[in-house]
């Protein structure tokens, strides 16, 4: 004897609707099966479909946000490029400005090096003076 088969319109607590239109990923399948082992098959299937729908909606929204961000970025770059082109840079003036900045930086560097050398010399002289005072024979005699 053969048993009657369920049709797509028959559902009970343990049967799955056969007219599901959402493809369930392996990840969702595993997630629901692990976390809802006691639920009926119909509840698990509906939960899987809900999770897949939410996942797809979230992915769609993320993609839209990414596209919007990219469009906004490209528009900002275009606007900036347009503004830069309108500034009419003079290459000779830019070159001259760079040379002046380099000269100023070199001058400041030389000044800094001289200040450090001068400070080092003063420290050396102070150390020598202190050593001389500490090791002078007169100093030892005055203390006795």
N, C-alpha and C. Protein backbone atom coordinates (compact mmCIF):
# COMPACT_ATOMS: atom_id res chain seq x y z
N UNK A 1 0.80 -1.17 0.00
CA UNK A 1 0.00 0.00 0.00
C UNK A 1 0.85 1.24 0.00
N UNK A 2 0.45 2.27 -0.72
CA UNK A 2 1.17 3.53 -0.74
C UNK A 2 0.43 4.53 0.12
N UNK A 3 1.21 5.36 0.76
CA UNK A 3 0.59 6.38 1.60
C UNK A 3 0.32 7.61 0.76
N UNK A 4 -0.71 8.37 1.11
CA UNK A 4 -1.00 9.58 0.35
C UNK A 4 0.11 10.60 0.57
N UNK A 5 0.41 11.34 -0.45
CA UNK A 5 1.45 12.38 -0.34
C UNK A 5 0.79 13.71 -0.05
N UNK A 6 1.53 14.55 0.64
CA UNK A 6 1.02 15.90 0.95
C UNK A 6 1.06 16.74 -0.30
N UNK A 7 0.03 17.51 -0.52
CA UNK A 7 0.04 18.45 -1.64
C UNK A 7 0.55 19.77 -1.12
N UNK A 8 0.79 20.69 -2.03
CA UNK A 8 1.35 21.97 -1.61
C UNK A 8 0.38 22.78 -0.78
N UNK A 9 -0.89 22.44 -0.80
CA UNK A 9 -1.85 23.22 -0.03
C UNK A 9 -2.06 22.65 1.36
N UNK A 10 -1.64 21.42 1.60
CA UNK A 10 -1.82 20.82 2.91
C UNK A 10 -0.64 21.17 3.79
N UNK A 11 -0.92 21.72 4.96
CA UNK A 11 0.14 21.98 5.93
C UNK A 11 -0.38 21.61 7.30
N UNK A 12 0.47 21.10 8.09
CA UNK A 12 0.16 20.94 9.49
C UNK A 12 1.39 21.36 10.26
N UNK A 13 1.43 21.09 11.53
CA UNK A 13 2.51 21.59 12.36
C UNK A 13 3.88 21.12 11.91
N UNK A 14 3.98 19.97 11.32
CA UNK A 14 5.28 19.41 10.95
C UNK A 14 5.55 19.42 9.45
N UNK A 15 4.73 20.04 8.66
CA UNK A 15 4.98 20.06 7.23
C UNK A 15 5.46 21.44 6.81
N UNK A 16 6.14 21.47 5.71
CA UNK A 16 6.72 22.71 5.19
C UNK A 16 5.91 23.16 4.00
N UNK A 17 5.57 24.44 3.93
CA UNK A 17 4.89 24.92 2.74
C UNK A 17 5.78 24.73 1.53
N UNK A 18 5.27 24.22 0.46
CA UNK A 18 6.05 23.92 -0.73
C UNK A 18 6.14 25.11 -1.68
N UNK A 19 5.44 26.19 -1.41
CA UNK A 19 5.44 27.33 -2.32
C UNK A 19 6.42 28.41 -1.88
N UNK A 20 7.47 28.06 -1.19
CA UNK A 20 8.46 29.01 -0.73
C UNK A 20 9.17 29.65 -1.92
N UNK A 21 9.25 30.97 -1.90
CA UNK A 21 9.88 31.67 -3.01
C UNK A 21 11.26 32.20 -2.68
N UNK A 22 11.69 32.05 -1.45
CA UNK A 22 12.99 32.57 -1.03
C UNK A 22 13.97 31.42 -0.90
N UNK A 23 15.12 31.57 -1.54
CA UNK A 23 16.17 30.56 -1.42
C UNK A 23 16.88 30.76 -0.09
N UNK A 24 17.03 29.70 0.66
CA UNK A 24 17.63 29.76 1.98
C UNK A 24 19.12 29.41 1.89
N UNK A 25 19.96 30.28 2.46
CA UNK A 25 21.40 30.02 2.43
C UNK A 25 21.75 28.94 3.45
N UNK A 26 22.89 28.32 3.24
CA UNK A 26 23.37 27.29 4.18
C UNK A 26 23.59 27.89 5.57
N UNK A 27 24.05 29.12 5.62
CA UNK A 27 24.31 29.79 6.89
C UNK A 27 23.01 29.96 7.67
N UNK A 28 21.97 30.44 7.00
CA UNK A 28 20.68 30.63 7.66
C UNK A 28 20.10 29.28 8.08
N UNK A 29 20.21 28.32 7.21
CA UNK A 29 19.72 26.96 7.50
C UNK A 29 20.35 26.45 8.79
N UNK A 30 21.66 26.54 8.88
CA UNK A 30 22.38 26.06 10.05
C UNK A 30 22.00 26.85 11.30
N UNK A 31 21.91 28.17 11.17
CA UNK A 31 21.58 29.03 12.29
C UNK A 31 20.23 28.67 12.90
N UNK A 32 19.23 28.53 12.06
CA UNK A 32 17.88 28.23 12.55
C UNK A 32 17.83 26.82 13.11
N UNK A 33 18.41 25.86 12.43
CA UNK A 33 18.36 24.47 12.91
C UNK A 33 19.06 24.32 14.26
N UNK A 34 20.15 25.04 14.46
CA UNK A 34 20.87 24.95 15.74
C UNK A 34 20.13 25.63 16.87
N UNK A 35 19.49 26.76 16.57
CA UNK A 35 18.86 27.56 17.63
C UNK A 35 17.39 27.28 17.85
N UNK A 36 16.76 26.56 16.96
CA UNK A 36 15.33 26.28 17.11
C UNK A 36 15.01 24.80 16.88
N UNK A 37 15.74 23.90 17.52
CA UNK A 37 15.52 22.47 17.23
C UNK A 37 14.14 21.97 17.67
N UNK A 38 13.54 22.60 18.65
CA UNK A 38 12.25 22.14 19.17
C UNK A 38 11.07 22.73 18.41
N UNK A 39 11.30 23.74 17.56
CA UNK A 39 10.20 24.37 16.84
C UNK A 39 9.72 23.47 15.72
N UNK A 40 8.48 23.69 15.33
CA UNK A 40 7.92 22.89 14.23
C UNK A 40 8.65 23.24 12.93
N UNK A 41 8.55 22.35 11.97
CA UNK A 41 9.20 22.57 10.68
C UNK A 41 8.65 23.83 10.02
N UNK A 42 7.36 24.08 10.13
CA UNK A 42 6.75 25.26 9.52
C UNK A 42 7.30 26.54 10.15
N UNK A 43 7.46 26.55 11.46
CA UNK A 43 8.01 27.72 12.15
C UNK A 43 9.47 27.94 11.75
N UNK A 44 10.22 26.86 11.68
CA UNK A 44 11.63 26.99 11.27
C UNK A 44 11.74 27.53 9.85
N UNK A 45 10.91 27.03 8.96
CA UNK A 45 10.96 27.49 7.56
C UNK A 45 10.57 28.96 7.45
N UNK A 46 9.54 29.35 8.16
CA UNK A 46 9.13 30.77 8.13
C UNK A 46 10.23 31.65 8.72
N UNK A 47 10.88 31.17 9.76
CA UNK A 47 11.98 31.92 10.38
C UNK A 47 13.15 32.05 9.41
N UNK A 48 13.45 30.99 8.71
CA UNK A 48 14.53 31.02 7.72
C UNK A 48 14.22 32.04 6.63
N UNK A 49 12.99 32.04 6.17
CA UNK A 49 12.60 32.99 5.12
C UNK A 49 12.67 34.42 5.64
N UNK A 50 12.26 34.62 6.89
CA UNK A 50 12.33 35.96 7.48
C UNK A 50 13.78 36.42 7.58
N UNK A 51 14.65 35.55 8.05
CA UNK A 51 16.08 35.91 8.16
C UNK A 51 16.66 36.23 6.80
N UNK A 52 16.33 35.43 5.80
CA UNK A 52 16.84 35.68 4.44
C UNK A 52 16.31 37.01 3.91
N UNK A 53 15.03 37.31 4.17
CA UNK A 53 14.47 38.58 3.69
C UNK A 53 15.16 39.76 4.37
N UNK A 54 15.38 39.65 5.67
CA UNK A 54 16.08 40.72 6.40
C UNK A 54 17.50 40.88 5.89
N UNK A 55 18.18 39.75 5.68
CA UNK A 55 19.56 39.79 5.19
C UNK A 55 19.64 40.47 3.82
N UNK A 56 18.75 40.08 2.93
CA UNK A 56 18.76 40.68 1.58
C UNK A 56 18.44 42.16 1.63
N UNK A 57 17.49 42.54 2.48
CA UNK A 57 17.14 43.97 2.61
C UNK A 57 18.35 44.76 3.14
N UNK A 58 19.01 44.20 4.15
CA UNK A 58 20.19 44.87 4.71
C UNK A 58 21.29 44.99 3.67
N UNK A 59 21.53 43.93 2.90
CA UNK A 59 22.55 43.97 1.85
C UNK A 59 22.20 45.02 0.80
N UNK A 60 20.94 45.10 0.46
CA UNK A 60 20.49 46.08 -0.52
C UNK A 60 20.71 47.50 -0.01
N UNK A 61 20.37 47.72 1.26
CA UNK A 61 20.55 49.05 1.83
C UNK A 61 22.02 49.44 1.93
N UNK A 62 22.86 48.48 2.28
CA UNK A 62 24.30 48.74 2.35
C UNK A 62 24.83 49.09 0.97
N UNK A 63 24.38 48.35 -0.05
CA UNK A 63 24.83 48.63 -1.41
C UNK A 63 24.37 50.02 -1.84
N UNK A 64 23.13 50.38 -1.53
CA UNK A 64 22.64 51.72 -1.88
C UNK A 64 23.45 52.80 -1.18
N UNK A 65 23.75 52.57 0.10
CA UNK A 65 24.54 53.54 0.85
C UNK A 65 25.94 53.68 0.25
N UNK A 66 26.53 52.56 -0.15
CA UNK A 66 27.85 52.60 -0.78
C UNK A 66 27.82 53.35 -2.09
N UNK A 67 26.78 53.10 -2.88
CA UNK A 67 26.66 53.81 -4.16
C UNK A 67 26.46 55.30 -3.93
N UNK A 68 25.65 55.66 -2.93
CA UNK A 68 25.42 57.08 -2.63
C UNK A 68 26.72 57.74 -2.17
N UNK A 69 27.46 57.04 -1.30
CA UNK A 69 28.73 57.59 -0.82
C UNK A 69 29.70 57.78 -1.98
N UNK A 70 29.74 56.82 -2.88
CA UNK A 70 30.63 56.93 -4.03
C UNK A 70 30.22 58.09 -4.92
N UNK A 71 28.93 58.24 -5.17
CA UNK A 71 28.45 59.35 -5.99
C UNK A 71 28.77 60.69 -5.34
N UNK A 72 28.58 60.77 -4.03
CA UNK A 72 28.87 62.00 -3.30
C UNK A 72 30.36 62.33 -3.38
N UNK A 73 31.20 61.31 -3.20
CA UNK A 73 32.65 61.51 -3.28
C UNK A 73 33.06 61.99 -4.66
N UNK A 74 32.54 61.32 -5.69
CA UNK A 74 32.90 61.70 -7.06
C UNK A 74 32.45 63.13 -7.36
N UNK A 75 31.29 63.50 -6.89
CA UNK A 75 30.80 64.87 -7.10
C UNK A 75 31.71 65.88 -6.40
N UNK A 76 32.13 65.56 -5.18
CA UNK A 76 33.04 66.45 -4.45
C UNK A 76 34.37 66.60 -5.18
N UNK A 77 34.89 65.49 -5.71
CA UNK A 77 36.15 65.54 -6.46
C UNK A 77 35.99 66.39 -7.71
N UNK A 78 34.89 66.21 -8.41
CA UNK A 78 34.65 67.02 -9.63
C UNK A 78 34.58 68.51 -9.28
N UNK A 79 33.86 68.83 -8.21
CA UNK A 79 33.74 70.24 -7.80
C UNK A 79 35.09 70.82 -7.42
N UNK A 80 35.87 70.05 -6.67
CA UNK A 80 37.19 70.53 -6.26
C UNK A 80 38.09 70.72 -7.47
N UNK A 81 38.07 69.77 -8.39
CA UNK A 81 38.90 69.90 -9.60
C UNK A 81 38.51 71.16 -10.37
N UNK A 82 37.22 71.40 -10.47
CA UNK A 82 36.74 72.59 -11.18
C UNK A 82 37.23 73.86 -10.50
N UNK A 83 37.15 73.89 -9.18
CA UNK A 83 37.62 75.07 -8.45
C UNK A 83 39.11 75.28 -8.60
N UNK A 84 39.88 74.19 -8.58
CA UNK A 84 41.33 74.30 -8.74
C UNK A 84 41.67 74.82 -10.13
N UNK A 85 40.95 74.34 -11.13
CA UNK A 85 41.20 74.79 -12.50
C UNK A 85 40.90 76.29 -12.65
N UNK A 86 39.96 76.79 -11.88
CA UNK A 86 39.59 78.21 -11.96
C UNK A 86 40.58 79.11 -11.24
N UNK A 87 41.46 78.55 -10.41
CA UNK A 87 42.40 79.36 -9.64
C UNK A 87 43.54 79.92 -10.48
N UNK A 88 43.81 79.37 -11.64
CA UNK A 88 44.88 79.85 -12.53
C UNK A 88 46.23 79.93 -11.82
N UNK A 89 46.76 78.81 -11.43
CA UNK A 89 48.07 78.77 -10.80
C UNK A 89 49.14 79.22 -11.78
N UNK A 90 50.10 79.98 -11.28
CA UNK A 90 51.26 80.39 -12.07
C UNK A 90 52.43 79.50 -11.65
N UNK A 91 52.86 78.60 -12.52
CA UNK A 91 53.92 77.66 -12.15
C UNK A 91 55.20 78.35 -11.67
N UNK A 92 55.55 79.50 -12.25
CA UNK A 92 56.76 80.21 -11.84
C UNK A 92 56.64 80.73 -10.42
N UNK A 93 55.45 81.23 -10.07
CA UNK A 93 55.24 81.74 -8.70
C UNK A 93 55.27 80.59 -7.70
N UNK A 94 54.75 79.45 -8.09
CA UNK A 94 54.77 78.29 -7.20
C UNK A 94 56.21 77.85 -6.98
N UNK A 95 56.99 77.79 -8.05
CA UNK A 95 58.40 77.41 -7.95
C UNK A 95 59.16 78.38 -7.06
N UNK A 96 58.90 79.67 -7.23
CA UNK A 96 59.55 80.69 -6.42
C UNK A 96 59.17 80.55 -4.96
N UNK A 97 57.90 80.28 -4.69
CA UNK A 97 57.44 80.11 -3.31
C UNK A 97 58.10 78.90 -2.67
N UNK A 98 58.25 77.84 -3.42
CA UNK A 98 58.89 76.63 -2.90
C UNK A 98 60.35 76.93 -2.56
N UNK A 99 61.04 77.67 -3.41
CA UNK A 99 62.44 78.01 -3.14
C UNK A 99 62.55 78.87 -1.89
N UNK A 100 61.64 79.83 -1.72
CA UNK A 100 61.66 80.68 -0.53
C UNK A 100 61.42 79.85 0.74
N UNK A 101 60.50 78.92 0.65
CA UNK A 101 60.22 78.06 1.81
C UNK A 101 61.44 77.21 2.13
N UNK A 102 62.11 76.68 1.10
CA UNK A 102 63.31 75.88 1.33
C UNK A 102 64.41 76.71 1.98
N UNK A 103 64.61 77.94 1.46
CA UNK A 103 65.64 78.81 2.02
C UNK A 103 65.34 79.13 3.48
N UNK A 104 64.07 79.41 3.77
CA UNK A 104 63.67 79.73 5.14
C UNK A 104 63.89 78.52 6.05
N UNK A 105 63.56 77.33 5.56
CA UNK A 105 63.75 76.11 6.35
C UNK A 105 65.23 75.86 6.62
N UNK A 106 66.08 76.07 5.60
CA UNK A 106 67.52 75.89 5.78
C UNK A 106 68.06 76.89 6.78
N UNK A 107 67.61 78.12 6.70
CA UNK A 107 68.05 79.17 7.62
C UNK A 107 67.64 78.80 9.05
N UNK A 108 66.40 78.36 9.22
CA UNK A 108 65.93 77.97 10.54
C UNK A 108 66.71 76.76 11.07
N UNK A 109 67.03 75.83 10.19
CA UNK A 109 67.79 74.65 10.59
C UNK A 109 69.19 75.06 11.06
N UNK A 110 69.84 75.93 10.28
CA UNK A 110 71.18 76.38 10.64
C UNK A 110 71.16 77.11 11.98
N UNK A 111 70.13 77.92 12.20
CA UNK A 111 70.00 78.64 13.47
C UNK A 111 69.81 77.65 14.62
N UNK A 112 69.01 76.63 14.40
CA UNK A 112 68.78 75.63 15.43
C UNK A 112 70.06 74.87 15.75
N UNK A 113 70.82 74.51 14.73
CA UNK A 113 72.08 73.79 14.93
C UNK A 113 73.05 74.67 15.72
N UNK A 114 73.14 75.96 15.38
CA UNK A 114 74.03 76.87 16.10
C UNK A 114 73.61 77.01 17.56
N UNK A 115 72.31 77.10 17.81
CA UNK A 115 71.81 77.21 19.19
C UNK A 115 72.16 75.95 19.98
N UNK A 116 72.01 74.79 19.35
CA UNK A 116 72.33 73.53 20.04
C UNK A 116 73.83 73.45 20.32
N UNK A 117 74.66 73.86 19.36
CA UNK A 117 76.11 73.84 19.56
C UNK A 117 76.51 74.79 20.68
N UNK A 118 75.90 75.98 20.69
CA UNK A 118 76.19 76.97 21.72
C UNK A 118 75.80 76.43 23.10
N UNK A 119 74.65 75.83 23.20
CA UNK A 119 74.18 75.27 24.46
C UNK A 119 75.11 74.14 24.90
N UNK A 120 75.52 73.30 23.95
CA UNK A 120 76.46 72.22 24.26
C UNK A 120 77.79 72.76 24.77
N UNK A 121 78.27 73.82 24.14
CA UNK A 121 79.53 74.43 24.57
C UNK A 121 79.40 74.98 25.99
N UNK A 122 78.28 75.63 26.27
CA UNK A 122 78.07 76.18 27.62
C UNK A 122 78.00 75.07 28.66
N UNK A 123 77.32 73.97 28.31
CA UNK A 123 77.26 72.83 29.23
C UNK A 123 78.65 72.27 29.47
N UNK A 124 79.44 72.17 28.41
CA UNK A 124 80.81 71.66 28.53
C UNK A 124 81.64 72.58 29.42
N UNK A 125 81.55 73.90 29.22
CA UNK A 125 82.29 74.85 30.04
C UNK A 125 81.85 74.77 31.50
N UNK A 126 80.54 74.63 31.73
CA UNK A 126 80.03 74.52 33.09
C UNK A 126 80.55 73.24 33.75
N UNK A 127 80.58 72.16 32.99
CA UNK A 127 81.07 70.90 33.54
C UNK A 127 82.56 71.01 33.87
N UNK A 128 83.33 71.66 32.98
CA UNK A 128 84.76 71.83 33.24
C UNK A 128 84.98 72.72 34.46
N UNK A 129 84.20 73.79 34.58
CA UNK A 129 84.34 74.69 35.73
C UNK A 129 84.00 73.93 37.02
N UNK A 130 82.95 73.16 37.00
CA UNK A 130 82.57 72.41 38.19
C UNK A 130 83.65 71.39 38.55
N UNK A 131 84.20 70.73 37.56
CA UNK A 131 85.26 69.76 37.80
C UNK A 131 86.49 70.44 38.37
N UNK A 132 86.81 71.59 37.81
CA UNK A 132 87.97 72.33 38.31
C UNK A 132 87.78 72.73 39.77
N UNK A 133 86.61 73.19 40.11
CA UNK A 133 86.34 73.59 41.49
C UNK A 133 86.42 72.39 42.41
N UNK A 134 85.84 71.31 42.00
CA UNK A 134 85.82 70.12 42.86
C UNK A 134 87.20 69.49 43.02
N UNK A 135 88.04 69.61 42.02
CA UNK A 135 89.35 68.94 42.08
C UNK A 135 90.50 69.90 42.39
N UNK A 136 90.21 71.16 42.63
CA UNK A 136 91.31 72.11 42.89
C UNK A 136 91.89 71.86 44.28
N UNK A 137 93.25 72.00 44.39
CA UNK A 137 93.89 71.77 45.70
C UNK A 137 93.46 72.82 46.72
N UNK A 138 93.20 74.04 46.30
CA UNK A 138 92.78 75.08 47.22
C UNK A 138 91.44 74.72 47.84
N UNK A 139 90.61 74.13 47.12
CA UNK A 139 89.27 73.79 47.61
C UNK A 139 89.37 72.76 48.72
N UNK A 140 90.30 71.80 48.57
CA UNK A 140 90.46 70.77 49.59
C UNK A 140 91.09 71.36 50.84
N UNK A 141 92.00 72.30 50.70
CA UNK A 141 92.66 72.89 51.85
C UNK A 141 91.70 73.78 52.64
N UNK A 142 90.82 74.50 51.94
CA UNK A 142 89.87 75.40 52.62
C UNK A 142 88.87 74.60 53.45
N UNK A 143 88.59 73.39 53.07
CA UNK A 143 87.58 72.60 53.77
C UNK A 143 88.15 71.98 55.05
N UNK A 144 89.47 71.88 55.16
CA UNK A 144 90.06 71.20 56.31
C UNK A 144 90.17 72.07 57.48
